Amino acid sequence: MNQSDRTKAELTFPFHPPDCKHFTGYKPCFPYKNCFEECADPAPRGTRVLLINLDAMGAVLQTTSLLPAIKRKYPGSSVSWLTLRNALPLLQNNPYLDRVYSWDPETWLVLQQMEFDLVLNADKTQRSAALTMSLHAGEKLGFGLDQKGVIIPLNLESMYLYRLGIDDDLKFRKNIRTGQEILAEAFKLPYERDECVLGLTDAELAYQEQYRRENRLDDRKLVVGFNTGCSTLYPNKKMTIEQHEALINRIGEIPDVKMILLGGPEDTGRNAEIARRVGGKVLVTPTQEGTRRGMVYENVADVVITGDSFGMHLAIALKKFVIAWFGLSCWTEIDLYDRGEKLYTAGLFCAPCWKKECPHNLECIQMIDLDRIVGCVGEYASRRSSNQDYLDCLRKR
C-alpha cells in the first residue's frame, strides 16, 4: 500500500474513534459516507449514561418517567438501558434512548469493556448489583453488591429507597411518596412528576383505528377495558371471575358504553370464561399477539379497570383514566397523574402485605368496592359526554 492509499485515520495512530454516538466501528451510518472525511449526522456522545432496570415490566414502565429528568440534568447525553428480553418491547420507539441492551452473557462482555460517566441501577437484586460493580463508570448510583454478597446503597440519596425494602413499617404504614419520586431522589435527579414515556408507532396507531372500525367502537362510545389478570408471581392481585361478571353486567347498563377484556397469554382462559358468562356484552381482545400488540389493544380503551399489575402501569403510561384497586401492594407508591381513582381497604390490618399466599381468606379482594367502581365509570361517562357535546358545538360554529 502506498502513501496515497492510506486514509487520514491510518496516518494518525493510535486510532481515536469519532466522538459520535452513531459510530460503531462496524460500518458507516449511511451508505457510501466516509465517517473519517464527512459525518452525515454529527451527534456527540456527551455524558454517557447506563440505566439498569430488569425486574418487573411494570417497574420498567414506571422508570421511563425518569428519562426526561436525565435529559434535563445531562443535556446532549447518550442514554442506554439494560433490561430483560421480555421488557425490550416497552422501550422500543422511545425518543430518549440511544441504545437498549438485552440481559445476556454477550451483553455483559460488551458493557464490561465500555466506560460510562454514570451508571444508574434501579434494581435491588444481586444480579443487577453485581453487574453494576463490575462496570467502568465515573459515578454509580442506586444499588451495588459488597464482597459478602450483600446488596448495598451506593449513595446517600438512595438510602430511603434502600430502607423501604427492609423496613415494613416505613413501606406499609409511613411512606406517602410515589415510586417515581423516590427513585428520582436515589439517582439525584430533579423530580418534576414527569409522565412515563411509551410511544406507539404510526403503524400501530393505524392498526388501532382499523380495529376500532371493525368492531364498531366509534368515538361517541366510551370504551371501558377490564385488565382481568396479573403476574403469576402474585396471583392475588386480581379480582374473581364472579366480581368481573357482576361489574360487566352493571356497567353495561350505562348508556353509550362498550366493554373490552384485556390481558396476556396467562389470561386467555380466564377471559374466555368471563365472556362466556356475560354473553355478548364484552369484546375479547387477543391475548397471544405479543406485548406491543397488547399495548395497542389497551390503548383502544378510554377507561381501564385493573388491579396493581403490568396492565395498570401500561394504562397509566398510555394516559388512560385508571380505576385501580389495591390489596396486597402499596397504593401510595402509585401515581395516576390525576387521571383516575385508587381503591383500597383503609384500616384492613393485614394490607398491604406483599404476600404471595393469603392466610386471611383474601379479605382485601372480597372487600373491593364494586359500587364505587361502577360509580366512577358513570361519573366519567357523564363528564365525557358533556365535554363531547361542547366540542361538537364548537365544530358547528
Protein backbone atom coordinates (compact mmCIF):
# COMPACT_ATOMS: atom_id res chain seq x y z
CA MET A 1 0.00 0.00 0.00
CA ASN A 2 1.46 3.34 -0.99
CA GLN A 3 1.20 6.54 0.97
CA SER A 4 -1.64 7.94 -1.15
CA ASP A 5 -3.81 4.89 -0.46
CA ARG A 6 -3.70 5.40 3.27
CA THR A 7 -6.59 7.22 4.93
CA LYS A 8 -6.11 10.12 7.26
CA ALA A 9 -7.10 7.86 10.14
CA GLU A 10 -4.39 5.33 9.34
CA LEU A 11 -1.78 8.06 9.28
CA THR A 12 -2.61 9.04 12.88
CA PHE A 13 -2.23 6.02 15.12
CA PRO A 14 -3.20 5.03 17.81
CA PHE A 15 -6.70 5.34 16.45
CA HIS A 16 -9.23 7.63 18.15
CA PRO A 17 -12.81 6.96 17.03
CA PRO A 18 -15.02 9.93 16.14
CA ASP A 19 -16.99 11.37 19.06
CA CYS A 20 -20.35 10.40 17.57
CA LYS A 21 -23.00 8.22 19.23
CA HIS A 22 -23.85 6.70 15.82
CA PHE A 23 -20.31 5.47 15.11
CA THR A 24 -19.86 1.76 15.88
CA GLY A 25 -16.66 0.93 14.02
CA TYR A 26 -18.53 -1.76 12.09
CA LYS A 27 -20.00 0.07 9.10
CA PRO A 28 -20.95 3.63 8.12
CA CYS A 29 -24.20 5.03 9.47
CA PHE A 30 -25.26 5.99 5.95
CA PRO A 31 -24.33 4.12 2.72
CA TYR A 32 -21.28 5.44 0.86
CA LYS A 33 -20.48 8.01 3.54
CA ASN A 34 -16.90 8.02 4.79
CA CYS A 35 -17.07 8.61 8.54
CA PHE A 36 -13.48 9.93 8.60
CA GLU A 37 -13.94 12.51 5.89
CA GLU A 38 -17.53 13.65 6.35
CA CYS A 39 -20.04 12.96 9.14
CA ALA A 40 -23.55 12.83 7.72
CA ASP A 41 -25.29 13.30 11.08
CA PRO A 42 -22.93 14.53 13.83
CA ALA A 43 -24.08 13.53 17.30
CA PRO A 44 -21.51 13.89 20.11
CA ARG A 45 -21.93 11.31 22.85
CA GLY A 46 -21.98 13.82 25.69
CA THR A 47 -22.47 12.31 29.15
CA ARG A 48 -22.63 8.54 28.76
CA VAL A 49 -25.40 7.13 30.96
CA LEU A 50 -26.37 3.48 31.50
CA LEU A 51 -29.65 2.72 33.30
CA ILE A 52 -30.09 -0.82 34.66
CA ASN A 53 -33.69 -1.89 35.28
CA LEU A 54 -34.54 -5.54 34.76
CA ASP A 55 -37.18 -6.63 37.17
CA ALA A 56 -40.94 -6.43 36.58
CA MET A 57 -42.31 -4.97 33.37
CA GLY A 58 -44.49 -2.54 35.32
CA ALA A 59 -41.42 -1.22 37.14
CA VAL A 60 -39.63 -0.73 33.81
CA LEU A 61 -42.54 1.36 32.55
CA GLN A 62 -42.57 3.37 35.77
CA THR A 63 -38.84 4.05 35.49
CA THR A 64 -39.24 5.53 31.98
CA SER A 65 -40.66 8.61 33.74
CA LEU A 66 -37.09 9.43 34.83
CA LEU A 67 -35.79 9.77 31.27
CA PRO A 68 -36.90 13.41 30.83
CA ALA A 69 -35.17 14.28 34.11
CA ILE A 70 -31.95 12.59 32.95
CA LYS A 71 -32.02 14.67 29.78
CA ARG A 72 -32.70 17.86 31.75
CA LYS A 73 -29.73 17.26 34.04
CA TYR A 74 -27.45 15.93 31.30
CA PRO A 75 -28.43 17.67 28.04
CA GLY A 76 -26.87 16.10 24.98
CA SER A 77 -26.22 12.86 26.85
CA SER A 78 -26.18 9.35 25.37
CA VAL A 79 -28.58 7.18 27.36
CA SER A 80 -28.57 3.37 27.23
CA TRP A 81 -30.84 0.94 29.08
CA LEU A 82 -30.20 -2.67 30.11
CA THR A 83 -33.26 -4.83 30.70
CA LEU A 84 -34.63 -8.35 30.33
CA ARG A 85 -35.71 -9.63 26.94
CA ASN A 86 -39.43 -9.63 27.81
CA ALA A 87 -39.27 -5.89 28.64
CA LEU A 88 -37.49 -4.85 25.42
CA PRO A 89 -40.77 -4.08 23.59
CA LEU A 90 -41.61 -1.45 26.23
CA LEU A 91 -38.52 0.55 25.29
CA GLN A 92 -38.97 0.48 21.53
CA ASN A 93 -39.69 3.79 19.81
CA ASN A 94 -38.50 5.71 22.88
CA PRO A 95 -37.09 9.10 21.83
CA TYR A 96 -34.93 9.42 24.97
CA LEU A 97 -32.91 6.24 24.44
CA ASP A 98 -29.89 5.77 22.20
CA ARG A 99 -29.34 2.08 22.87
CA VAL A 100 -31.28 -0.71 24.55
CA TYR A 101 -29.39 -3.80 25.68
CA SER A 102 -30.82 -7.23 26.44
CA TRP A 103 -29.62 -9.00 29.59
CA ASP A 104 -27.43 -11.89 28.38
CA PRO A 105 -23.79 -13.04 28.63
CA GLU A 106 -22.77 -11.42 25.34
CA THR A 107 -24.09 -8.06 26.55
CA TRP A 108 -22.24 -8.37 29.87
CA LEU A 109 -18.96 -8.76 27.99
CA VAL A 110 -19.66 -5.69 25.87
CA LEU A 111 -20.75 -3.49 28.78
CA GLN A 112 -17.80 -4.53 30.96
CA GLN A 113 -15.43 -3.35 28.23
CA MET A 114 -17.14 0.03 27.87
CA GLU A 115 -16.74 3.12 30.01
CA PHE A 116 -19.65 5.23 31.25
CA ASP A 117 -19.83 8.55 33.02
CA LEU A 118 -22.83 7.43 35.05
CA VAL A 119 -24.44 4.07 35.87
CA LEU A 120 -27.89 4.10 37.46
CA ASN A 121 -29.02 0.77 38.94
CA ALA A 122 -32.71 0.77 39.89
CA ASP A 123 -32.83 -2.93 40.84
CA LYS A 124 -32.31 -4.10 44.39
CA THR A 125 -31.19 -7.55 43.24
CA GLN A 126 -27.90 -9.40 43.43
CA ARG A 127 -27.52 -9.86 39.68
CA SER A 128 -28.06 -6.19 38.78
CA ALA A 129 -25.98 -5.04 41.74
CA ALA A 130 -23.13 -7.40 40.86
CA LEU A 131 -23.02 -6.24 37.25
CA THR A 132 -23.09 -2.61 38.40
CA MET A 133 -19.97 -3.17 40.50
CA SER A 134 -18.15 -4.75 37.53
CA LEU A 135 -18.69 -1.81 35.17
CA HIS A 136 -16.33 1.08 34.48
CA ALA A 137 -18.03 4.36 35.40
CA GLY A 138 -17.17 7.76 36.80
CA GLU A 139 -20.16 7.54 39.15
CA LYS A 140 -22.55 4.79 40.19
CA LEU A 141 -25.89 5.46 41.87
CA GLY A 142 -28.57 3.19 43.22
CA PHE A 143 -27.59 -0.28 44.38
CA GLY A 144 -24.41 -2.36 44.35
CA LEU A 145 -23.06 -5.55 45.91
CA ASP A 146 -20.35 -5.82 48.54
CA GLN A 147 -17.76 -8.60 48.83
CA LYS A 148 -20.01 -10.58 51.17
CA GLY A 149 -22.77 -10.72 48.55
CA VAL A 150 -24.92 -8.14 50.38
CA ILE A 151 -26.89 -5.57 48.39
CA ILE A 152 -25.87 -2.07 49.48
CA PRO A 153 -26.83 1.53 48.65
CA LEU A 154 -24.16 3.27 46.58
CA ASN A 155 -25.01 6.83 47.60
CA LEU A 156 -26.70 8.65 50.46
CA GLU A 157 -29.65 9.68 48.28
CA SER A 158 -30.53 6.02 47.63
CA MET A 159 -30.82 5.21 51.36
CA TYR A 160 -34.56 5.93 51.56
CA LEU A 161 -35.29 3.55 48.68
CA TYR A 162 -32.96 1.00 50.28
CA ARG A 163 -34.72 1.27 53.67
CA LEU A 164 -38.11 0.94 52.01
CA GLY A 165 -37.27 -2.65 51.15
CA ILE A 166 -36.18 -3.72 54.64
CA ASP A 167 -38.44 -1.63 56.88
CA ASP A 168 -42.05 -2.88 56.66
CA ASP A 169 -43.35 -0.13 58.90
CA LEU A 170 -41.89 2.51 56.60
CA LYS A 171 -43.11 0.80 53.43
CA PHE A 172 -46.57 -0.30 54.60
CA ARG A 173 -47.54 2.42 57.05
CA LYS A 174 -45.46 5.61 56.85
CA ASN A 175 -44.39 6.19 53.27
CA ILE A 176 -46.62 8.53 51.21
CA ARG A 177 -44.21 9.15 48.32
CA THR A 178 -44.57 7.65 44.84
CA GLY A 179 -42.08 5.24 43.37
CA GLN A 180 -41.05 7.76 40.71
CA GLU A 181 -40.24 10.44 43.29
CA ILE A 182 -38.23 8.05 45.44
CA LEU A 183 -36.23 6.69 42.52
CA ALA A 184 -35.52 10.20 41.21
CA GLU A 185 -34.08 11.05 44.62
CA ALA A 186 -31.93 7.91 44.59
CA PHE A 187 -30.49 8.94 41.22
CA LYS A 188 -30.00 12.59 42.26
CA LEU A 189 -32.37 13.77 39.54
CA PRO A 190 -34.67 16.83 39.58
CA TYR A 191 -38.18 15.48 40.21
CA GLU A 192 -40.92 17.25 38.26
CA ARG A 193 -43.55 14.50 38.17
CA ASP A 194 -42.74 13.57 34.59
CA GLU A 195 -45.01 11.09 32.84
CA CYS A 196 -43.95 7.62 31.75
CA VAL A 197 -42.56 7.52 28.22
CA LEU A 198 -44.26 4.99 25.95
CA GLY A 199 -44.64 5.59 22.23
CA LEU A 200 -46.80 3.70 19.74
CA THR A 201 -45.62 3.70 16.14
CA ASP A 202 -47.65 5.13 13.25
CA ALA A 203 -48.29 1.57 12.05
CA GLU A 204 -49.58 0.56 15.48
CA LEU A 205 -51.89 3.57 15.67
CA ALA A 206 -53.20 2.74 12.19
CA TYR A 207 -53.93 -0.83 13.29
CA GLN A 208 -55.70 0.53 16.36
CA GLU A 209 -58.04 2.65 14.23
CA GLN A 210 -58.71 -0.30 11.95
CA TYR A 211 -59.56 -2.46 14.96
CA ARG A 212 -61.94 0.21 16.28
CA ARG A 213 -63.72 0.45 12.92
CA GLU A 214 -64.04 -3.30 12.51
CA ASN A 215 -65.56 -3.62 15.99
CA ARG A 216 -67.74 -0.51 15.75
CA LEU A 217 -66.02 1.33 18.56
CA ASP A 218 -66.83 4.82 17.34
CA ASP A 219 -65.67 7.98 19.13
CA ARG A 220 -69.10 8.56 20.66
CA LYS A 221 -68.81 5.37 22.70
CA LEU A 222 -66.94 5.20 25.99
CA VAL A 223 -64.72 2.12 25.84
CA VAL A 224 -64.12 0.52 29.25
CA GLY A 225 -61.32 -2.02 29.42
CA PHE A 226 -61.00 -4.71 32.09
CA ASN A 227 -57.45 -5.81 32.78
CA THR A 228 -58.51 -9.11 34.27
CA GLY A 229 -55.28 -10.78 35.31
CA CYS A 230 -51.86 -10.27 36.83
CA SER A 231 -48.45 -11.83 37.10
CA THR A 232 -48.31 -15.43 38.25
CA LEU A 233 -45.76 -14.28 40.85
CA TYR A 234 -48.50 -12.54 42.87
CA PRO A 235 -51.74 -14.29 41.85
CA ASN A 236 -53.86 -12.38 44.39
CA LYS A 237 -53.63 -9.10 42.52
CA LYS A 238 -56.74 -9.90 40.51
CA MET A 239 -60.48 -9.93 41.13
CA THR A 240 -62.51 -13.10 41.00
CA ILE A 241 -64.31 -14.07 37.81
CA GLU A 242 -67.58 -13.53 39.68
CA GLN A 243 -66.63 -9.94 40.51
CA HIS A 244 -65.82 -9.22 36.88
CA GLU A 245 -69.12 -10.76 35.85
CA ALA A 246 -71.02 -8.52 38.27
CA LEU A 247 -69.16 -5.39 37.15
CA ILE A 248 -69.71 -6.06 33.47
CA ASN A 249 -73.43 -6.63 33.96
CA ARG A 250 -73.80 -3.36 35.90
CA ILE A 251 -71.51 -1.16 33.78
CA GLY A 252 -73.25 -2.48 30.68
CA GLU A 253 -76.36 -0.59 31.82
CA ILE A 254 -74.59 2.78 31.47
CA PRO A 255 -75.57 4.43 28.14
CA ASP A 256 -73.04 4.58 25.28
CA VAL A 257 -70.54 2.27 26.95
CA LYS A 258 -68.66 -0.52 25.20
CA MET A 259 -66.54 -3.01 27.17
CA ILE A 260 -63.43 -4.99 26.27
CA LEU A 261 -61.38 -7.63 28.08
CA LEU A 262 -57.60 -7.12 28.18
CA GLY A 263 -54.75 -9.38 29.20
CA GLY A 264 -51.78 -11.51 28.25
CA PRO A 265 -51.30 -15.20 27.44
CA GLU A 266 -51.86 -16.23 31.07
CA ASP A 267 -55.33 -14.62 30.97
CA THR A 268 -56.63 -16.39 27.84
CA GLY A 269 -58.76 -19.00 29.60
CA ARG A 270 -59.91 -16.57 32.30
CA ASN A 271 -61.11 -14.02 29.74
CA ALA A 272 -62.89 -16.72 27.74
CA GLU A 273 -64.79 -17.81 30.86
CA ILE A 274 -65.77 -14.23 31.74
CA ALA A 275 -67.01 -13.68 28.18
CA ARG A 276 -68.99 -16.93 28.29
CA ARG A 277 -70.75 -15.80 31.46
CA VAL A 278 -71.73 -12.33 30.23
CA GLY A 279 -72.63 -13.25 26.68
CA GLY A 280 -72.12 -10.59 24.05
CA LYS A 281 -71.65 -7.72 26.49
CA VAL A 282 -67.86 -7.62 26.07
CA LEU A 283 -65.35 -7.77 23.25
CA VAL A 284 -62.45 -10.14 23.98
CA THR A 285 -59.17 -8.74 22.67
CA PRO A 286 -56.50 -11.25 21.56
CA THR A 287 -54.06 -12.26 24.29
CA GLN A 288 -51.44 -14.16 22.30
CA GLU A 289 -50.09 -11.50 19.92
CA GLY A 290 -47.22 -10.11 21.97
CA THR A 291 -46.55 -7.10 24.19
CA ARG A 292 -46.60 -4.39 21.52
CA ARG A 293 -49.94 -5.54 20.11
CA GLY A 294 -51.29 -5.81 23.65
CA MET A 295 -50.34 -2.16 24.14
CA VAL A 296 -52.43 -1.28 21.09
CA TYR A 297 -55.49 -3.12 22.39
CA GLU A 298 -55.20 -1.40 25.77
CA ASN A 299 -54.90 1.94 24.00
CA VAL A 300 -58.34 1.32 22.48
CA ALA A 301 -59.88 1.78 25.94
CA ASP A 302 -60.75 5.14 27.45
CA VAL A 303 -61.09 3.75 30.98
CA VAL A 304 -59.15 0.80 32.40
CA ILE A 305 -60.29 -1.12 35.47
CA THR A 306 -57.38 -3.07 36.93
CA GLY A 307 -55.51 -4.40 39.90
CA ASP A 308 -51.94 -3.35 40.64
CA SER A 309 -50.32 -5.14 37.70
CA PHE A 310 -48.39 -4.57 34.50
CA GLY A 311 -51.73 -3.74 32.86
CA MET A 312 -52.21 -0.90 35.36
CA HIS A 313 -48.77 0.56 34.66
CA LEU A 314 -49.46 0.25 30.93
CA ALA A 315 -52.75 2.11 31.30
CA ILE A 316 -51.01 4.89 33.25
CA ALA A 317 -48.30 5.16 30.60
CA LEU A 318 -50.97 5.32 27.86
CA LYS A 319 -52.63 8.15 29.82
CA LYS A 320 -55.92 6.37 30.37
CA PHE A 321 -58.45 7.06 33.11
CA VAL A 322 -57.46 4.31 35.54
CA ILE A 323 -59.61 2.77 38.24
CA ALA A 324 -57.16 0.67 40.21
CA TRP A 325 -57.81 -1.42 43.28
CA PHE A 326 -55.13 -2.41 45.77
CA GLY A 327 -54.91 -5.17 48.34
CA LEU A 328 -51.53 -6.72 48.97
CA SER A 329 -49.49 -3.91 47.33
CA CYS A 330 -48.72 -0.32 48.32
CA TRP A 331 -51.13 2.20 46.80
CA THR A 332 -49.14 5.22 47.98
CA GLU A 333 -46.29 4.38 45.61
CA ILE A 334 -48.51 4.61 42.52
CA ASP A 335 -49.12 7.91 40.70
CA LEU A 336 -52.21 8.01 38.46
CA TYR A 337 -51.28 11.56 37.38
CA ASP A 338 -54.74 12.86 38.33
CA ARG A 339 -56.42 10.54 35.83
CA GLY A 340 -58.36 8.05 37.84
CA GLU A 341 -59.05 6.70 41.29
CA LYS A 342 -57.31 4.32 43.65
CA LEU A 343 -59.47 1.95 45.71
CA TYR A 344 -58.02 0.32 48.79
CA THR A 345 -59.25 -1.11 52.07
CA ALA A 346 -58.04 1.52 54.52
CA GLY A 347 -57.84 0.10 58.00
CA LEU A 348 -57.60 -3.53 56.97
CA PHE A 349 -54.98 -4.75 59.45
CA CYS A 350 -53.13 -7.01 57.00
CA ALA A 351 -52.97 -4.75 53.96
CA PRO A 352 -50.65 -4.08 52.34
CA CYS A 353 -48.60 -7.20 52.91
CA TRP A 354 -46.86 -8.27 49.67
CA LYS A 355 -47.55 -11.93 50.43
CA LYS A 356 -47.81 -14.49 47.64
CA GLU A 357 -50.29 -16.55 49.66
CA CYS A 358 -53.02 -15.09 51.85
CA PRO A 359 -53.63 -16.50 55.34
CA HIS A 360 -56.78 -14.40 55.79
CA ASN A 361 -59.14 -15.75 53.11
CA LEU A 362 -58.35 -12.92 50.65
CA GLU A 363 -60.26 -10.29 52.59
CA CYS A 364 -58.80 -7.45 50.51
CA ILE A 365 -60.22 -8.99 47.32
CA GLN A 366 -63.60 -9.71 48.86
CA MET A 367 -63.80 -6.10 50.06
CA ILE A 368 -63.25 -4.47 46.65
CA ASP A 369 -65.87 -1.73 46.37
CA LEU A 370 -67.72 -2.71 43.19
CA ASP A 371 -70.30 0.04 43.77
CA ARG A 372 -67.54 2.66 43.72
CA ILE A 373 -66.07 1.25 40.52
CA VAL A 374 -69.44 1.42 38.78
CA GLY A 375 -69.94 4.93 40.16
CA CYS A 376 -66.52 6.05 38.86
CA VAL A 377 -67.32 4.81 35.36
CA GLY A 378 -70.70 6.54 35.44
CA GLU A 379 -69.21 9.81 36.62
CA TYR A 380 -66.50 9.71 33.97
CA ALA A 381 -69.05 8.87 31.27
CA SER A 382 -71.17 11.87 32.27
CA ARG A 383 -68.21 14.27 32.21
CA ARG A 384 -67.01 12.89 28.90
CA SER A 385 -70.48 13.22 27.37
CA SER A 386 -70.73 16.85 28.46
CA ASN A 387 -67.30 17.67 27.06
CA GLN A 388 -68.10 15.90 23.79
CA ASP A 389 -71.31 17.88 23.34
CA TYR A 390 -69.36 21.09 23.92
CA LEU A 391 -66.73 20.11 21.35
CA ASP A 392 -69.43 19.22 18.84
CA CYS A 393 -70.97 22.68 19.28
CA LEU A 394 -67.61 24.32 18.66
CA ARG A 395 -67.15 22.33 15.44
CA LYS A 396 -70.57 23.51 14.12
CA ARG A 397 -69.76 27.21 14.62
